[in-house]
PDB file of N, CA and C in Angstrom:
ATOM      1  N   MET A   1      64.607  21.371 123.006  1.00  0.00           N
ATOM      2  CA  MET A   1      63.600  21.589 124.021  1.00  0.00           C
ATOM      3  C   MET A   1      62.421  22.324 123.389  1.00  0.00           C
ATOM      4  N   SER A   2      61.232  21.947 123.721  1.00  0.00           N
ATOM      5  CA  SER A   2      60.032  22.576 123.176  1.00  0.00           C
ATOM      6  C   SER A   2      59.810  23.941 123.817  1.00  0.00           C
ATOM      7  N   ALA A   3      59.242  24.831 123.033  1.00  0.00           N
ATOM      8  CA  ALA A   3      58.894  26.143 123.566  1.00  0.00           C
ATOM      9  C   ALA A   3      57.661  26.005 124.445  1.00  0.00           C
ATOM     10  N   ASN A   4      57.703  26.640 125.574  1.00  0.00           N
ATOM     11  CA  ASN A   4      56.567  26.611 126.491  1.00  0.00           C
ATOM     12  C   ASN A   4      56.017  28.015 126.615  1.00  0.00           C
ATOM     13  N   GLN A   5      54.736  28.097 126.859  1.00  0.00           N
ATOM     14  CA  GLN A   5      54.047  29.369 126.922  1.00  0.00           C
ATOM     15  C   GLN A   5      53.482  29.555 128.323  1.00  0.00           C
ATOM     16  N   THR A   6      53.773  30.692 128.930  1.00  0.00           N
ATOM     17  CA  THR A   6      53.182  31.021 130.223  1.00  0.00           C
ATOM     18  C   THR A   6      52.001  31.939 129.967  1.00  0.00           C
ATOM     19  N   LEU A   7      50.847  31.536 130.451  1.00  0.00           N
ATOM     20  CA  LEU A   7      49.623  32.289 130.218  1.00  0.00           C
ATOM     21  C   LEU A   7      49.314  33.188 131.398  1.00  0.00           C
ATOM     22  N   PRO A   8      48.981  34.462 131.147  1.00  0.00           N
ATOM     23  CA  PRO A   8      48.544  35.324 132.248  1.00  0.00           C
ATOM     24  C   PRO A   8      47.128  34.935 132.640  1.00  0.00           C
ATOM     25  N   MET A   9      46.823  35.020 133.912  1.00  0.00           N
ATOM     26  CA  MET A   9      45.490  34.620 134.354  1.00  0.00           C
ATOM     27  C   MET A   9      44.930  35.625 135.341  1.00  0.00           C
ATOM     28  N   ALA A  10      45.757  36.264 136.121  1.00  0.00           N
ATOM     29  CA  ALA A  10      45.278  37.120 137.208  1.00  0.00           C
ATOM     30  C   ALA A  10      44.950  38.521 136.703  1.00  0.00           C
ATOM     31  N   SER A  11      44.066  39.155 137.413  1.00  0.00           N
ATOM     32  CA  SER A  11      43.702  40.527 137.097  1.00  0.00           C
ATOM     33  C   SER A  11      43.346  41.240 138.391  1.00  0.00           C
ATOM     34  N   SER A  12      43.723  42.497 138.483  1.00  0.00           N
ATOM     35  CA  SER A  12      43.342  43.270 139.664  1.00  0.00           C
ATOM     36  C   SER A  12      42.059  44.053 139.404  1.00  0.00           C
ATOM     37  N   ASP A  13      41.459  43.843 138.250  1.00  0.00           N
ATOM     38  CA  ASP A  13      40.211  44.517 137.890  1.00  0.00           C
ATOM     39  C   ASP A  13      39.091  44.053 138.813  1.00  0.00           C
ATOM     40  N   PRO A  14      38.387  44.970 139.471  1.00  0.00           N
ATOM     41  CA  PRO A  14      37.307  44.560 140.374  1.00  0.00           C
ATOM     42  C   PRO A  14      36.211  43.770 139.650  1.00  0.00           C
ATOM     43  N   ALA A  15      36.106  43.923 138.354  1.00  0.00           N
ATOM     44  CA  ALA A  15      35.088  43.182 137.608  1.00  0.00           C
ATOM     45  C   ALA A  15      35.382  41.687 137.604  1.00  0.00           C
ATOM     46  N   THR A  16      36.609  41.296 137.942  1.00  0.00           N
ATOM     47  CA  THR A  16      36.952  39.874 137.944  1.00  0.00           C
ATOM     48  C   THR A  16      36.834  39.247 139.323  1.00  0.00           C
ATOM     49  N   GLN A  17      36.254  39.964 140.260  1.00  0.00           N
ATOM     50  CA  GLN A  17      36.052  39.384 141.584  1.00  0.00           C
ATOM     51  C   GLN A  17      35.155  38.157 141.458  1.00  0.00           C
ATOM     52  N   PRO A  18      35.420  37.106 142.243  1.00  0.00           N
ATOM     53  CA  PRO A  18      34.610  35.909 142.122  1.00  0.00           C
ATOM     54  C   PRO A  18      33.145  36.198 142.425  1.00  0.00           C
ATOM     55  N   THR A  19      32.302  35.523 141.708  1.00  0.00           N
ATOM     56  CA  THR A  19      30.876  35.662 141.945  1.00  0.00           C
ATOM     57  C   THR A  19      30.287  34.278 142.081  1.00  0.00           C
ATOM     58  N   SER A  20      29.182  34.190 142.761  1.00  0.00           N
ATOM     59  CA  SER A  20      28.521  32.899 142.873  1.00  0.00           C
ATOM     60  C   SER A  20      27.777  32.630 141.574  1.00  0.00           C
ATOM     61  N   PRO A  21      27.548  31.353 141.232  1.00  0.00           N
ATOM     62  CA  PRO A  21      26.858  31.038 139.984  1.00  0.00           C
ATOM     63  C   PRO A  21      25.521  31.764 139.865  1.00  0.00           C
ATOM     64  N   ALA A  22      24.836  31.985 140.984  1.00  0.00           N
ATOM     65  CA  ALA A  22      23.528  32.630 140.940  1.00  0.00           C
ATOM     66  C   ALA A  22      23.640  34.115 140.608  1.00  0.00           C
ATOM     67  N   SER A  23      24.800  34.720 140.899  1.00  0.00           N
ATOM     68  CA  SER A  23      24.910  36.163 140.701  1.00  0.00           C
ATOM     69  C   SER A  23      25.538  36.533 139.363  1.00  0.00           C
ATOM     70  N   GLY A  24      25.903  35.575 138.552  1.00  0.00           N
ATOM     71  CA  GLY A  24      26.422  35.903 137.236  1.00  0.00           C
ATOM     72  C   GLY A  24      27.708  35.178 136.904  1.00  0.00           C
ATOM     73  N   PRO A  25      28.339  35.613 135.818  1.00  0.00           N
ATOM     74  CA  PRO A  25      29.536  34.931 135.334  1.00  0.00           C
ATOM     75  C   PRO A  25      30.727  35.092 136.280  1.00  0.00           C
ATOM     76  N   ASN A  26      31.650  34.156 136.173  1.00  0.00           N
ATOM     77  CA  ASN A  26      32.866  34.177 136.982  1.00  0.00           C
ATOM     78  C   ASN A  26      34.045  34.214 136.015  1.00  0.00           C
ATOM     79  N   PRO A  27      34.625  35.392 135.780  1.00  0.00           N
ATOM     80  CA  PRO A  27      35.689  35.530 134.779  1.00  0.00           C
ATOM     81  C   PRO A  27      36.918  34.664 135.042  1.00  0.00           C
ATOM     82  N   ILE A  28      37.294  34.473 136.291  1.00  0.00           N
ATOM     83  CA  ILE A  28      38.470  33.640 136.596  1.00  0.00           C
ATOM     84  C   ILE A  28      38.179  32.195 136.193  1.00  0.00           C
ATOM     85  N   ARG A  29      37.044  31.667 136.600  1.00  0.00           N
ATOM     86  CA  ARG A  29      36.671  30.288 136.246  1.00  0.00           C
ATOM     87  C   ARG A  29      36.588  30.134 134.730  1.00  0.00           C
ATOM     88  N   GLU A  30      35.971  31.106 134.083  1.00  0.00           N
ATOM     89  CA  GLU A  30      35.845  31.037 132.627  1.00  0.00           C
ATOM     90  C   GLU A  30      37.211  31.056 131.953  1.00  0.00           C
ATOM     91  N   ALA A  31      38.137  31.873 132.451  1.00  0.00           N
ATOM     92  CA  ALA A  31      39.484  31.934 131.874  1.00  0.00           C
ATOM     93  C   ALA A  31      40.215  30.609 132.065  1.00  0.00           C
ATOM     94  N   ILE A  32      40.071  29.979 133.222  1.00  0.00           N
ATOM     95  CA  ILE A  32      40.699  28.685 133.484  1.00  0.00           C
ATOM     96  C   ILE A  32      40.119  27.629 132.549  1.00  0.00           C
ATOM     97  N   GLU A  33      38.794  27.583 132.461  1.00  0.00           N
ATOM     98  CA  GLU A  33      38.153  26.595 131.593  1.00  0.00           C
ATOM     99  C   GLU A  33      38.561  26.795 130.138  1.00  0.00           C
ATOM    100  N   GLN A  34      38.659  28.037 129.704  1.00  0.00           N
ATOM    101  CA  GLN A  34      39.075  28.334 128.330  1.00  0.00           C
ATOM    102  C   GLN A  34      40.524  27.908 128.108  1.00  0.00           C
ATOM    103  N   ALA A  35      41.399  28.190 129.067  1.00  0.00           N
ATOM    104  CA  ALA A  35      42.805  27.805 128.938  1.00  0.00           C
ATOM    105  C   ALA A  35      42.946  26.287 128.842  1.00  0.00           C
ATOM    106  N   ILE A  36      42.185  25.559 129.647  1.00  0.00           N
ATOM    107  CA  ILE A  36      42.227  24.089 129.603  1.00  0.00           C
ATOM    108  C   ILE A  36      41.729  23.592 128.247  1.00  0.00           C
ATOM    109  N   ALA A  37      40.664  24.198 127.752  1.00  0.00           N
ATOM    110  CA  ALA A  37      40.084  23.772 126.477  1.00  0.00           C
ATOM    111  C   ALA A  37      40.992  24.102 125.288  1.00  0.00           C
ATOM    112  N   GLU A  38      41.698  25.218 125.347  1.00  0.00           N
ATOM    113  CA  GLU A  38      42.480  25.686 124.203  1.00  0.00           C
ATOM    114  C   GLU A  38      43.906  25.143 124.150  1.00  0.00           C
ATOM    115  N   ASN A  39      44.395  24.578 125.240  1.00  0.00           N
ATOM    116  CA  ASN A  39      45.783  24.110 125.284  1.00  0.00           C
ATOM    117  C   ASN A  39      45.814  22.601 125.476  1.00  0.00           C
ATOM    118  N   PRO A  40      46.376  21.870 124.497  1.00  0.00           N
ATOM    119  CA  PRO A  40      46.407  20.411 124.618  1.00  0.00           C
ATOM    120  C   PRO A  40      47.115  19.934 125.892  1.00  0.00           C
ATOM    121  N   VAL A  41      48.144  20.661 126.304  1.00  0.00           N
ATOM    122  CA  VAL A  41      48.861  20.331 127.540  1.00  0.00           C
ATOM    123  C   VAL A  41      49.033  21.633 128.312  1.00  0.00           C
ATOM    124  N   ILE A  42      48.499  21.652 129.525  1.00  0.00           N
ATOM    125  CA  ILE A  42      48.606  22.863 130.345  1.00  0.00           C
ATOM    126  C   ILE A  42      48.901  22.473 131.787  1.00  0.00           C
ATOM    127  N   LEU A  43      49.837  23.197 132.369  1.00  0.00           N
ATOM    128  CA  LEU A  43      50.252  22.956 133.745  1.00  0.00           C
ATOM    129  C   LEU A  43      49.939  24.191 134.585  1.00  0.00           C
ATOM    130  N   PHE A  44      49.126  24.003 135.598  1.00  0.00           N
ATOM    131  CA  PHE A  44      48.884  25.046 136.586  1.00  0.00           C
ATOM    132  C   PHE A  44      49.896  24.808 137.682  1.00  0.00           C
ATOM    133  N   MET A  45      50.733  25.807 137.938  1.00  0.00           N
ATOM    134  CA  MET A  45      51.886  25.605 138.809  1.00  0.00           C
ATOM    135  C   MET A  45      52.167  26.844 139.637  1.00  0.00           C
ATOM    136  N   LYS A  46      53.108  26.690 140.551  1.00  0.00           N
ATOM    137  CA  LYS A  46      53.622  27.833 141.303  1.00  0.00           C
ATOM    138  C   LYS A  46      54.872  28.308 140.582  1.00  0.00           C
ATOM    139  N   GLY A  47      54.824  29.535 140.087  1.00  0.00           N
ATOM    140  CA  GLY A  47      55.942  30.084 139.331  1.00  0.00           C
ATOM    141  C   GLY A  47      55.748  29.838 137.845  1.00  0.00           C
ATOM    142  N   SER A  48      56.867  29.825 137.123  1.00  0.00           N
ATOM    143  CA  SER A  48      56.849  29.608 135.677  1.00  0.00           C
ATOM    144  C   SER A  48      57.783  28.446 135.343  1.00  0.00           C
ATOM    145  N   PRO A  49      57.681  27.902 134.142  1.00  0.00           N
ATOM    146  CA  PRO A  49      58.593  26.806 133.776  1.00  0.00           C
ATOM    147  C   PRO A  49      60.067  27.197 133.914  1.00  0.00           C
ATOM    148  N   ASP A  50      60.380  28.464 133.630  1.00  0.00           N
ATOM    149  CA  ASP A  50      61.761  28.931 133.754  1.00  0.00           C
ATOM    150  C   ASP A  50      62.173  29.195 135.200  1.00  0.00           C
ATOM    151  N   ALA A  51      61.192  29.423 136.064  1.00  0.00           N
ATOM    152  CA  ALA A  51      61.484  29.732 137.464  1.00  0.00           C
ATOM    153  C   ALA A  51      60.389  29.154 138.364  1.00  0.00           C
ATOM    154  N   PRO A  52      60.348  27.823 138.498  1.00  0.00           N
ATOM    155  CA  PRO A  52      59.338  27.226 139.385  1.00  0.00           C
ATOM    156  C   PRO A  52      59.519  27.741 140.814  1.00  0.00           C
ATOM    157  N   ALA A  53      58.403  27.973 141.501  1.00  0.00           N
ATOM    158  CA  ALA A  53      58.455  28.550 142.841  1.00  0.00           C
ATOM    159  C   ALA A  53      58.308  27.501 143.940  1.00  0.00           C
ATOM    160  N   CYS A  54      58.261  26.219 143.574  1.00  0.00           N
ATOM    161  CA  CYS A  54      58.261  25.159 144.576  1.00  0.00           C
ATOM    162  C   CYS A  54      58.832  23.892 143.950  1.00  0.00           C
ATOM    163  N   GLY A  55      59.279  22.992 144.791  1.00  0.00           N
ATOM    164  CA  GLY A  55      59.893  21.757 144.314  1.00  0.00           C
ATOM    165  C   GLY A  55      58.939  20.867 143.543  1.00  0.00           C
ATOM    166  N   PHE A  56      57.664  20.855 143.935  1.00  0.00           N
ATOM    167  CA  PHE A  56      56.687  20.013 143.243  1.00  0.00           C
ATOM    168  C   PHE A  56      56.483  20.509 141.813  1.00  0.00           C
ATOM    169  N   SER A  57      56.368  21.819 141.648  1.00  0.00           N
ATOM    170  CA  SER A  57      56.231  22.384 140.305  1.00  0.00           C
ATOM    171  C   SER A  57      57.493  22.118 139.494  1.00  0.00           C
ATOM    172  N   ARG A  58      58.658  22.260 140.122  1.00  0.00           N
ATOM    173  CA  ARG A  58      59.926  22.021 139.433  1.00  0.00           C
ATOM    174  C   ARG A  58      60.013  20.573 138.933  1.00  0.00           C
ATOM    175  N   ARG A  59      59.623  19.612 139.765  1.00  0.00           N
ATOM    176  CA  ARG A  59      59.694  18.197 139.356  1.00  0.00           C
ATOM    177  C   ARG A  59      58.748  17.905 138.203  1.00  0.00           C
ATOM    178  N   THR A  60      57.574  18.511 138.241  1.00  0.00           N
ATOM    179  CA  THR A  60      56.603  18.283 137.170  1.00  0.00           C
ATOM    180  C   THR A  60      57.091  18.895 135.862  1.00  0.00           C
ATOM    181  N   VAL A  61      57.604  20.121 135.905  1.00  0.00           N
ATOM    182  CA  VAL A  61      58.161  20.778 134.721  1.00  0.00           C
ATOM    183  C   VAL A  61      59.316  19.949 134.168  1.00  0.00           C
ATOM    184  N   THR A  62      60.188  19.469 135.037  1.00  0.00           N
ATOM    185  CA  THR A  62      61.343  18.684 134.599  1.00  0.00           C
ATOM    186  C   THR A  62      60.904  17.422 133.860  1.00  0.00           C
ATOM    187  N   ALA A  63      59.891  16.733 134.366  1.00  0.00           N
ATOM    188  CA  ALA A  63      59.394  15.525 133.701  1.00  0.00           C
ATOM    189  C   ALA A  63      58.898  15.858 132.296  1.00  0.00           C
ATOM    190  N   LEU A  64      58.137  16.930 132.163  1.00  0.00           N
ATOM    191  CA  LEU A  64      57.628  17.327 130.846  1.00  0.00           C
ATOM    192  C   LEU A  64      58.770  17.739 129.915  1.00  0.00           C
ATOM    193  N   GLN A  65      59.727  18.473 130.440  1.00  0.00           N
ATOM    194  CA  GLN A  65      60.856  18.917 129.624  1.00  0.00           C
ATOM    195  C   GLN A  65      61.734  17.744 129.203  1.00  0.00           C
ATOM    196  N   GLU A  66      61.910  16.770 130.080  1.00  0.00           N
ATOM    197  CA  GLU A  66      62.706  15.596 129.736  1.00  0.00           C
ATOM    198  C   GLU A  66      62.099  14.832 128.560  1.00  0.00           C
ATOM    199  N   LEU A  67      60.774  14.895 128.449  1.00  0.00           N
ATOM    200  CA  LEU A  67      60.075  14.226 127.347  1.00  0.00           C
ATOM    201  C   LEU A  67      59.881  15.151 126.147  1.00  0.00           C
ATOM    202  N   ASP A  68      60.404  16.385 126.248  1.00  0.00           N
ATOM    203  CA  ASP A  68      60.314  17.369 125.180  1.00  0.00           C
ATOM    204  C   ASP A  68      58.867  17.662 124.803  1.00  0.00           C
ATOM    205  N   VAL A  69      58.027  17.812 125.819  1.00  0.00           N
ATOM    206  CA  VAL A  69      56.608  18.099 125.624  1.00  0.00           C
ATOM    207  C   VAL A  69      56.403  19.611 125.685  1.00  0.00           C
ATOM    208  N   ALA A  70      55.791  20.162 124.648  1.00  0.00           N
ATOM    209  CA  ALA A  70      55.428  21.577 124.672  1.00  0.00           C
ATOM    210  C   ALA A  70      54.177  21.716 125.536  1.00  0.00           C
ATOM    211  N   PHE A  71      54.166  22.708 126.405  1.00  0.00           N
ATOM    212  CA  PHE A  71      53.011  22.896 127.275  1.00  0.00           C
ATOM    213  C   PHE A  71      52.840  24.358 127.634  1.00  0.00           C
ATOM    214  N   ALA A  72      51.602  24.727 127.890  1.00  0.00           N
ATOM    215  CA  ALA A  72      51.290  26.055 128.412  1.00  0.00           C
ATOM    216  C   ALA A  72      51.350  25.953 129.933  1.00  0.00           C
ATOM    217  N   ALA A  73      51.631  27.068 130.574  1.00  0.00           N
ATOM    218  CA  ALA A  73      51.704  27.081 132.034  1.00  0.00           C
ATOM    219  C   ALA A  73      50.984  28.310 132.572  1.00  0.00           C
ATOM    220  N   VAL A  74      50.373  28.139 133.730  1.00  0.00           N
ATOM    221  CA  VAL A  74      49.717  29.239 134.423  1.00  0.00           C
ATOM    222  C   VAL A  74      50.259  29.283 135.843  1.00  0.00           C
ATOM    223  N   ASP A  75      50.783  30.434 136.229  1.00  0.00           N
ATOM    224  CA  ASP A  75      51.259  30.655 137.591  1.00  0.00           C
ATOM    225  C   ASP A  75      50.048  30.980 138.462  1.00  0.00           C
ATOM    226  N   ILE A  76      49.801  30.165 139.458  1.00  0.00           N
ATOM    227  CA  ILE A  76      48.636  30.383 140.320  1.00  0.00           C
ATOM    228  C   ILE A  76      48.928  31.365 141.454  1.00  0.00           C
ATOM    229  N   LEU A  77      50.175  31.763 141.622  1.00  0.00           N
ATOM    230  CA  LEU A  77      50.550  32.590 142.772  1.00  0.00           C
ATOM    231  C   LEU A  77      50.063  34.042 142.734  1.00  0.00           C
ATOM    232  N   PRO A  78      49.966  34.702 141.581  1.00  0.00           N
ATOM    233  CA  PRO A  78      49.585  36.115 141.614  1.00  0.00           C
ATOM    234  C   PRO A  78      48.188  36.397 142.154  1.00  0.00           C
ATOM    235  N   ASP A  79      47.305  35.413 142.110  1.00  0.00           N
ATOM    236  CA  ASP A  79      45.930  35.671 142.533  1.00  0.00           C
ATOM    237  C   ASP A  79      45.370  34.405 143.175  1.00  0.00           C
ATOM    238  N   PRO A  80      45.056  34.431 144.477  1.00  0.00           N
ATOM    239  CA  PRO A  80      44.568  33.230 145.162  1.00  0.00           C
ATOM    240  C   PRO A  80      43.267  32.684 144.577  1.00  0.00           C
ATOM    241  N   ARG A  81      42.528  33.527 143.853  1.00  0.00           N
ATOM    242  CA  ARG A  81      41.283  33.058 143.244  1.00  0.00           C
ATOM    243  C   ARG A  81      41.540  32.017 142.157  1.00  0.00           C
ATOM    244  N   ILE A  82      42.710  32.079 141.522  1.00  0.00           N
ATOM    245  CA  ILE A  82      43.033  31.091 140.483  1.00  0.00           C
ATOM    246  C   ILE A  82      43.060  29.706 141.105  1.00  0.00           C
ATOM    247  N   ARG A  83      43.779  29.561 142.193  1.00  0.00           N
ATOM    248  CA  ARG A  83      43.869  28.256 142.860  1.00  0.00           C
ATOM    249  C   ARG A  83      42.493  27.791 143.343  1.00  0.00           C
ATOM    250  N   GLN A  84      41.733  28.695 143.919  1.00  0.00           N
ATOM    251  CA  GLN A  84      40.409  28.367 144.439  1.00  0.00           C
ATOM    252  C   GLN A  84      39.507  27.858 143.315  1.00  0.00           C
ATOM    253  N   GLU A  85      39.455  28.572 142.224  1.00  0.00           N
ATOM    254  CA  GLU A  85      38.594  28.176 141.105  1.00  0.00           C
ATOM    255  C   GLU A  85      39.108  26.921 140.421  1.00  0.00           C
ATOM    256  N   LEU A  86      40.422  26.807 140.267  1.00  0.00           N
ATOM    257  CA  LEU A  86      41.004  25.610 139.652  1.00  0.00           C
ATOM    258  C   LEU A  86      40.638  24.370 140.448  1.00  0.00           C
ATOM    259  N   SER A  87      40.796  24.428 141.758  1.00  0.00           N
ATOM    260  CA  SER A  87      40.471  23.279 142.603  1.00  0.00           C
ATOM    261  C   SER A  87      38.985  22.952 142.549  1.00  0.00           C
ATOM    262  N   ALA A  88      38.142  23.966 142.402  1.00  0.00           N
ATOM    263  CA  ALA A  88      36.705  23.725 142.272  1.00  0.00           C
ATOM    264  C   ALA A  88      36.393  23.026 140.948  1.00  0.00           C
ATOM    265  N   ILE A  89      37.109  23.392 139.896  1.00  0.00           N
ATOM    266  CA  ILE A  89      36.903  22.778 138.579  1.00  0.00           C
ATOM    267  C   ILE A  89      37.416  21.344 138.562  1.00  0.00           C
ATOM    268  N   SER A  90      38.628  21.146 139.072  1.00  0.00           N
ATOM    269  CA  SER A  90      39.301  19.845 138.948  1.00  0.00           C
ATOM    270  C   SER A  90      38.955  18.874 140.070  1.00  0.00           C
ATOM    271  N   ASN A  91      38.462  19.400 141.186  1.00  0.00           N
ATOM    272  CA  ASN A  91      38.231  18.574 142.361  1.00  0.00           C
ATOM    273  C   ASN A  91      39.547  17.981 142.876  1.00  0.00           C
ATOM    274  N   TRP A  92      40.630  18.724 142.702  1.00  0.00           N
ATOM    275  CA  TRP A  92      41.970  18.306 143.106  1.00  0.00           C
ATOM    276  C   TRP A  92      42.555  19.421 143.955  1.00  0.00           C
ATOM    277  N   PRO A  93      42.981  19.148 145.195  1.00  0.00           N
ATOM    278  CA  PRO A  93      43.348  20.237 146.105  1.00  0.00           C
ATOM    279  C   PRO A  93      44.760  20.789 145.954  1.00  0.00           C
ATOM    280  N   THR A  94      45.667  20.039 145.351  1.00  0.00           N
ATOM    281  CA  THR A  94      47.070  20.455 145.375  1.00  0.00           C
ATOM    282  C   THR A  94      47.526  21.040 144.043  1.00  0.00           C
ATOM    283  N   ILE A  95      48.650  21.731 144.106  1.00  0.00           N
ATOM    284  CA  ILE A  95      49.307  22.329 142.947  1.00  0.00           C
ATOM    285  C   ILE A  95      50.695  21.716 142.893  1.00  0.00           C
ATOM    286  N   PRO A  96      51.184  21.359 141.731  1.00  0.00           N
ATOM    287  CA  PRO A  96      50.696  21.637 140.387  1.00  0.00           C
ATOM    288  C   PRO A  96      49.579  20.689 139.957  1.00  0.00           C
ATOM    289  N   GLN A  97      48.921  21.085 138.860  1.00  0.00           N
ATOM    290  CA  GLN A  97      47.908  20.249 138.230  1.00  0.00           C
ATOM    291  C   GLN A  97      48.181  20.233 136.733  1.00  0.00           C
ATOM    292  N   LEU A  98      48.321  19.024 136.186  1.00  0.00           N
ATOM    293  CA  LEU A  98      48.584  18.848 134.763  1.00  0.00           C
ATOM    294  C   LEU A  98      47.318  18.366 134.066  1.00  0.00           C
ATOM    295  N   PHE A  99      46.946  19.079 133.000  1.00  0.00           N
ATOM    296  CA  PHE A  99      45.810  18.693 132.170  1.00  0.00           C
ATOM    297  C   PHE A  99      46.321  18.344 130.781  1.00  0.00           C
ATOM    298  N   VAL A 100      45.818  17.247 130.230  1.00  0.00           N
ATOM    299  CA  VAL A 100      46.149  16.842 128.872  1.00  0.00           C
ATOM    300  C   VAL A 100      44.834  16.612 128.138  1.00  0.00           C
ATOM    301  N   ASN A 101      44.669  17.296 127.022  1.00  0.00           N
ATOM    302  CA  ASN A 101      43.449  17.209 126.216  1.00  0.00           C
ATOM    303  C   ASN A 101      42.195  17.422 127.066  1.00  0.00           C
ATOM    304  N   GLY A 102      42.263  18.411 127.952  1.00  0.00           N
ATOM    305  CA  GLY A 102      41.115  18.784 128.759  1.00  0.00           C
ATOM    306  C   GLY A 102      40.862  17.936 129.989  1.00  0.00           C
ATOM    307  N   GLU A 103      41.671  16.904 130.202  1.00  0.00           N
ATOM    308  CA  GLU A 103      41.474  15.994 131.336  1.00  0.00           C
ATOM    309  C   GLU A 103      42.599  16.166 132.349  1.00  0.00           C
ATOM    310  N   LEU A 104      42.234  16.164 133.623  1.00  0.00           N
ATOM    311  CA  LEU A 104      43.239  16.231 134.679  1.00  0.00           C
ATOM    312  C   LEU A 104      44.020  14.930 134.720  1.00  0.00           C
ATOM    313  N   VAL A 105      45.347  15.035 134.601  1.00  0.00           N
ATOM    314  CA  VAL A 105      46.225  13.871 134.753  1.00  0.00           C
ATOM    315  C   VAL A 105      46.532  13.691 136.228  1.00  0.00           C
ATOM    316  N   GLY A 106      46.881  14.786 136.905  1.00  0.00           N
ATOM    317  CA  GLY A 106      47.167  14.727 138.329  1.00  0.00           C
ATOM    318  C   GLY A 106      48.194  15.759 138.728  1.00  0.00           C
ATOM    319  N   GLY A 107      48.704  15.562 139.931  1.00  0.00           N
ATOM    320  CA  GLY A 107      49.698  16.462 140.483  1.00  0.00           C
ATOM    321  C   GLY A 107      51.097  15.881 140.361  1.00  0.00           C
ATOM    322  N   CYS A 108      52.005  16.427 141.109  1.00  0.00           N
ATOM    323  CA  CYS A 108      53.418  16.066 141.028  1.00  0.00           C
ATOM    324  C   CYS A 108      53.654  14.580 141.259  1.00  0.00           C
ATOM    325  N   ASP A 109      53.074  14.016 142.316  1.00  0.00           N
ATOM    326  CA  ASP A 109      53.335  12.608 142.623  1.00  0.00           C
ATOM    327  C   ASP A 109      52.886  11.694 141.484  1.00  0.00           C
ATOM    328  N   ILE A 110      51.698  11.949 140.949  1.00  0.00           N
ATOM    329  CA  ILE A 110      51.184  11.114 139.865  1.00  0.00           C
ATOM    330  C   ILE A 110      52.024  11.300 138.610  1.00  0.00           C
ATOM    331  N   VAL A 111      52.346  12.540 138.264  1.00  0.00           N
ATOM    332  CA  VAL A 111      53.160  12.805 137.079  1.00  0.00           C
ATOM    333  C   VAL A 111      54.541  12.165 137.232  1.00  0.00           C
ATOM    334  N   THR A 112      55.129  12.261 138.412  1.00  0.00           N
ATOM    335  CA  THR A 112      56.447  11.662 138.652  1.00  0.00           C
ATOM    336  C   THR A 112      56.387  10.143 138.528  1.00  0.00           C
ATOM    337  N   GLU A 113      55.373   9.534 139.127  1.00  0.00           N
ATOM    338  CA  GLU A 113      55.210   8.079 139.008  1.00  0.00           C
ATOM    339  C   GLU A 113      55.019   7.665 137.551  1.00  0.00           C
ATOM    340  N   MET A 114      54.204   8.419 136.820  1.00  0.00           N
ATOM    341  CA  MET A 114      53.972   8.110 135.408  1.00  0.00           C
ATOM    342  C   MET A 114      55.254   8.279 134.598  1.00  0.00           C
ATOM    343  N   TYR A 115      56.042   9.289 134.926  1.00  0.00           N
ATOM    344  CA  TYR A 115      57.312   9.500 134.230  1.00  0.00           C
ATOM    345  C   TYR A 115      58.248   8.321 134.480  1.00  0.00           C
ATOM    346  N   GLU A 116      58.375   7.934 135.743  1.00  0.00           N
ATOM    347  CA  GLU A 116      59.296   6.855 136.103  1.00  0.00           C
ATOM    348  C   GLU A 116      58.875   5.514 135.516  1.00  0.00           C
ATOM    349  N   SER A 117      57.572   5.273 135.374  1.00  0.00           N
ATOM    350  CA  SER A 117      57.091   3.998 134.843  1.00  0.00           C
ATOM    351  C   SER A 117      57.044   3.970 133.313  1.00  0.00           C
ATOM    352  N   GLY A 118      57.181   5.138 132.694  1.00  0.00           N
ATOM    353  CA  GLY A 118      57.080   5.220 131.242  1.00  0.00           C
ATOM    354  C   GLY A 118      55.685   5.575 130.747  1.00  0.00           C
ATOM    355  N   GLU A 119      54.712   5.617 131.655  1.00  0.00           N
ATOM    356  CA  GLU A 119      53.335   5.944 131.256  1.00  0.00           C
ATOM    357  C   GLU A 119      53.204   7.362 130.722  1.00  0.00           C
ATOM    358  N   LEU A 120      53.990   8.292 131.272  1.00  0.00           N
ATOM    359  CA  LEU A 120      53.904   9.672 130.801  1.00  0.00           C
ATOM    360  C   LEU A 120      54.413   9.761 129.370  1.00  0.00           C
ATOM    361  N   ALA A 121      55.495   9.077 129.063  1.00  0.00           N
ATOM    362  CA  ALA A 121      56.010   9.050 127.690  1.00  0.00           C
ATOM    363  C   ALA A 121      54.974   8.452 126.752  1.00  0.00           C
ATOM    364  N   GLU A 122      54.299   7.397 127.185  1.00  0.00           N
ATOM    365  CA  GLU A 122      53.252   6.779 126.376  1.00  0.00           C
ATOM    366  C   GLU A 122      52.098   7.750 126.141  1.00  0.00           C
ATOM    367  N   LEU A 123      51.744   8.505 127.173  1.00  0.00           N
ATOM    368  CA  LEU A 123      50.654   9.467 127.062  1.00  0.00           C
ATOM    369  C   LEU A 123      50.936  10.470 125.942  1.00  0.00           C
ATOM    370  N   PHE A 124      52.188  10.850 125.804  1.00  0.00           N
ATOM    371  CA  PHE A 124      52.579  11.822 124.788  1.00  0.00           C
ATOM    372  C   PHE A 124      53.188  11.151 123.568  1.00  0.00           C
ATOM    373  N   ASP A 125      53.141   9.820 123.526  1.00  0.00           N
ATOM    374  CA  ASP A 125      53.688   9.059 122.404  1.00  0.00           C
ATOM    375  C   ASP A 125      55.133   9.455 122.150  1.00  0.00           C
ATOM    376  N   ARG A 126      55.922   9.444 123.231  1.00  0.00           N
ATOM    377  CA  ARG A 126      57.330   9.826 123.152  1.00  0.00           C
ATOM    378  C   ARG A 126      58.195   8.627 123.516  1.00  0.00           C
ATOM    379  N   PRO A 127      59.328   8.460 122.841  1.00  0.00           N
ATOM    380  CA  PRO A 127      60.269   7.429 123.288  1.00  0.00           C
ATOM    381  C   PRO A 127      60.861   7.833 124.617  1.00  0.00           C
ATOM    382  N   ARG A 128      61.167   6.865 125.424  1.00  0.00           N
ATOM    383  CA  ARG A 128      61.732   7.174 126.738  1.00  0.00           C
ATOM    384  C   ARG A 128      63.198   6.831 126.763  1.00  0.00           C
TER     385      ARG A 128
END
């Protein structure tokens, strides 16, 4: 099984409060964009790969683990701003969200369908 990395994203620092684009930088959005750019495979989920906090996140993690794909993960639950900013970036309302090479693949239903059809294995060049 590949090692997976859970990335911290939330902060209780008042300096990380969301700001509008006109009022300056948005640290949460910047951290999300940086995480997507720096990790070839990243899953924004509820909970962690070792302890998913919902069935949709669990199914998505299981599909990736079955294909032995190493991935970074971000728990969106500690700070509601993570989900808000992520959805603004991806234009996708639901969690989990899987990104591969900076591009949104989709949520649980799409990842599950791709896994079942073999497309997910092809995406990662893995035998099924």
